[in-house]
């Protein structure tokens, strides 16, 4: 099942990339893929913030009130599913471990990370703007930071761990 999903995703992305490369050439195709990625991140962040605006704001307040505690809790929360997946793998149930990781990180991606990270960054960038503009600007910066190898990825991991911990601590410090 996992190989079929990977093959299907790779085939779709490969066809889109090949079509862009054949029709426009390499530099315009890469630019189009980057715009597609950044636009999707902005759209997902705005959609999440529209539905989960109050929890996002509370989690950012909790993360800013206790940043070290939020970071440590976030790293712990991100490590526990990896430990569980390794336990499944050692027990001989690799598929179950992969499914558990996919469900956990997929749920966090669809319900928490983009809007939280975008709001945290956008609030620092544009403090006087409206919340949707802050989320759009923060999402743009966070998505384009992935284009910077290693440094951008580590910075984004730090923000993800911080906001995940803030989300878990929000009832206590918000």
Protein backbone atom coordinates (compact mmCIF):
# COMPACT_ATOMS: atom_id res chain seq x y z
CA UNK A 1 0.00 0.00 0.00
CA UNK A 2 2.78 2.41 0.98
CA UNK A 3 4.66 1.73 -2.26
CA UNK A 4 1.50 2.31 -4.28
CA UNK A 5 0.85 5.67 -2.58
CA UNK A 6 4.48 6.73 -3.08
CA UNK A 7 4.37 5.63 -6.70
CA UNK A 8 1.10 7.49 -7.34
CA UNK A 9 2.32 10.69 -5.71
CA UNK A 10 5.61 10.53 -7.57
CA UNK A 11 3.83 9.86 -10.84
CA UNK A 12 1.49 12.85 -10.44
CA UNK A 13 4.27 15.21 -9.41
CA UNK A 14 6.53 13.85 -12.12
CA UNK A 15 3.89 14.36 -14.80
CA UNK A 16 3.20 17.92 -13.66
CA UNK A 17 6.93 18.67 -13.54
CA UNK A 18 7.59 17.02 -16.91
CA UNK A 19 4.72 18.90 -18.52
CA UNK A 20 6.04 22.18 -17.16
CA UNK A 21 9.60 21.37 -18.24
CA UNK A 22 8.52 20.40 -21.75
CA UNK A 23 6.22 23.36 -22.27
CA UNK A 24 8.21 26.14 -20.60
CA UNK A 25 11.79 24.98 -20.01
CA UNK A 26 13.68 24.37 -16.82
CA UNK A 27 13.84 27.82 -15.12
CA UNK A 28 10.16 28.72 -15.65
CA UNK A 29 9.08 25.25 -14.57
CA UNK A 30 11.05 25.47 -11.33
CA UNK A 31 9.62 28.92 -10.68
CA UNK A 32 6.10 27.58 -11.33
CA UNK A 33 6.64 24.69 -8.89
CA UNK A 34 7.87 27.12 -6.23
CA UNK A 35 4.85 29.40 -6.76
CA UNK A 36 2.58 26.36 -6.58
CA UNK A 37 4.14 25.26 -3.26
CA UNK A 38 4.07 28.74 -1.70
CA UNK A 39 0.53 29.45 -2.90
CA UNK A 40 -0.71 26.16 -1.49
CA UNK A 41 0.95 26.86 1.86
CA UNK A 42 -0.63 30.31 2.05
CA UNK A 43 -4.05 28.94 1.12
CA UNK A 44 -3.84 26.12 3.67
CA UNK A 45 -2.68 28.49 6.42
CA UNK A 46 -5.48 30.97 5.73
CA UNK A 47 -8.05 28.17 5.67
CA UNK A 48 -6.81 26.78 8.98
CA UNK A 49 -6.75 30.20 10.57
CA UNK A 50 -10.31 30.87 9.38
CA UNK A 51 -11.57 27.72 11.14
CA UNK A 52 -9.18 27.56 14.10
CA UNK A 53 -8.34 31.22 14.74
CA UNK A 54 -8.87 31.27 18.48
CA UNK A 55 -6.88 28.07 19.29
CA UNK A 56 -4.05 29.32 17.07
CA UNK A 57 -3.92 32.65 18.89
CA UNK A 58 -4.04 30.94 22.29
CA UNK A 59 -1.27 28.52 21.38
CA UNK A 60 0.99 31.35 20.18
CA UNK A 61 0.35 33.27 23.42
CA UNK A 62 1.22 30.16 25.44
CA UNK A 63 4.39 29.58 23.39
CA UNK A 64 5.49 33.18 23.89
CA UNK A 65 4.71 33.09 27.62
CA UNK A 66 6.92 30.03 28.24
CA UNK A 67 9.15 29.55 25.16
CA UNK A 68 11.62 27.03 26.61
CA UNK A 69 8.90 24.87 28.11
CA UNK A 70 6.89 25.01 24.87
CA UNK A 71 9.96 24.03 22.83
CA UNK A 72 10.80 21.08 25.08
CA UNK A 73 7.20 19.85 25.14
CA UNK A 74 6.99 20.21 21.36
CA UNK A 75 10.20 18.21 20.78
CA UNK A 76 8.94 15.53 23.16
CA UNK A 77 5.59 15.34 21.38
CA UNK A 78 7.31 15.05 18.00
CA UNK A 79 9.64 12.30 19.27
CA UNK A 80 7.05 10.02 20.93
CA UNK A 81 5.42 8.86 17.63
CA UNK A 82 8.87 8.08 16.22
CA UNK A 83 9.64 5.95 19.26
CA UNK A 84 6.28 4.17 18.90
CA UNK A 85 6.93 3.51 15.20
CA UNK A 86 10.33 2.03 16.05
CA UNK A 87 8.68 -0.22 18.64
CA UNK A 88 6.20 -1.40 16.00
CA UNK A 89 9.09 -2.02 13.60
CA UNK A 90 10.99 -4.08 16.19
CA UNK A 91 7.81 -6.05 16.88
CA UNK A 92 7.53 -6.89 13.19
CA UNK A 93 4.62 -4.61 12.30
CA UNK A 94 6.36 -2.08 10.03
CA UNK A 95 3.17 -1.20 8.18
CA UNK A 96 1.35 -0.39 11.40
CA UNK A 97 4.20 1.88 12.51
CA UNK A 98 4.22 3.68 9.16
CA UNK A 99 0.44 4.10 9.32
CA UNK A 100 0.65 5.50 12.87
CA UNK A 101 3.28 8.04 11.77
CA UNK A 102 1.28 9.00 8.71
CA UNK A 103 -1.90 9.54 10.72
CA UNK A 104 -0.17 11.49 13.51
CA UNK A 105 1.91 13.81 11.36
CA UNK A 106 -0.85 14.13 8.77
CA UNK A 107 -3.29 15.23 11.45
CA UNK A 108 -0.80 17.78 12.78
CA UNK A 109 -0.14 19.07 9.29
CA UNK A 110 -3.82 19.44 8.48
CA UNK A 111 -4.93 20.81 11.86
CA UNK A 112 -2.08 22.68 13.46
CA UNK A 113 1.26 23.49 11.90
CA UNK A 114 0.73 25.80 8.93
CA UNK A 115 -1.54 28.32 10.64
CA UNK A 116 0.40 28.32 13.92
CA UNK A 117 3.78 28.82 12.30
CA UNK A 118 2.40 31.37 9.83
CA UNK A 119 0.69 33.37 12.58
CA UNK A 120 3.80 33.32 14.79
CA UNK A 121 6.06 34.57 11.98
CA UNK A 122 3.50 37.02 10.58
CA UNK A 123 2.86 38.52 13.98
CA UNK A 124 6.55 39.37 14.24
CA UNK A 125 6.77 40.68 10.68
CA UNK A 126 3.60 42.78 10.53
CA UNK A 127 2.46 43.57 14.08
CA UNK A 128 -0.04 46.29 13.08
CA UNK A 129 -1.72 44.43 10.19
CA UNK A 130 -4.89 42.34 10.32
CA UNK A 131 -4.69 38.69 11.27
CA UNK A 132 -5.26 37.31 7.73
CA UNK A 133 -2.45 39.50 6.37
CA UNK A 134 -0.17 38.36 9.17
CA UNK A 135 -0.96 34.72 8.40
CA UNK A 136 -0.40 35.22 4.66
CA UNK A 137 2.93 36.98 5.19
CA UNK A 138 4.10 34.45 7.75
CA UNK A 139 3.10 31.56 5.53
CA UNK A 140 5.01 33.08 2.62
CA UNK A 141 8.16 33.45 4.73
CA UNK A 142 7.86 29.97 6.26
CA UNK A 143 7.26 28.29 2.88
CA UNK A 144 10.13 30.09 1.17
CA UNK A 145 12.45 29.26 4.08
CA UNK A 146 12.21 25.63 2.98
CA UNK A 147 14.14 26.64 -0.15
CA UNK A 148 17.22 27.34 2.00
CA UNK A 149 18.93 23.99 2.62
CA UNK A 150 19.54 22.91 6.23
CA UNK A 151 19.26 26.39 7.83
CA UNK A 152 15.68 26.92 6.66
CA UNK A 153 14.71 23.39 7.60
CA UNK A 154 16.17 23.69 11.10
CA UNK A 155 14.49 27.07 11.60
CA UNK A 156 11.16 25.63 10.52
CA UNK A 157 11.62 22.58 12.79
CA UNK A 158 12.26 24.97 15.69
CA UNK A 159 9.05 26.87 14.91
CA UNK A 160 7.05 23.66 14.52
CA UNK A 161 8.31 22.31 17.85
CA UNK A 162 7.65 25.64 19.57
CA UNK A 163 4.10 25.98 18.26
CA UNK A 164 3.29 22.31 18.92
CA UNK A 165 4.36 22.74 22.53
CA UNK A 166 2.43 26.00 22.74
CA UNK A 167 -0.66 24.25 21.45
CA UNK A 168 -0.36 21.61 24.17
CA UNK A 169 0.31 24.19 26.90
CA UNK A 170 -2.36 26.66 25.80
CA UNK A 171 -4.90 25.75 28.44
CA UNK A 172 -2.43 26.39 31.20
CA UNK A 173 -0.75 29.65 30.18
CA UNK A 174 -3.09 31.38 27.74
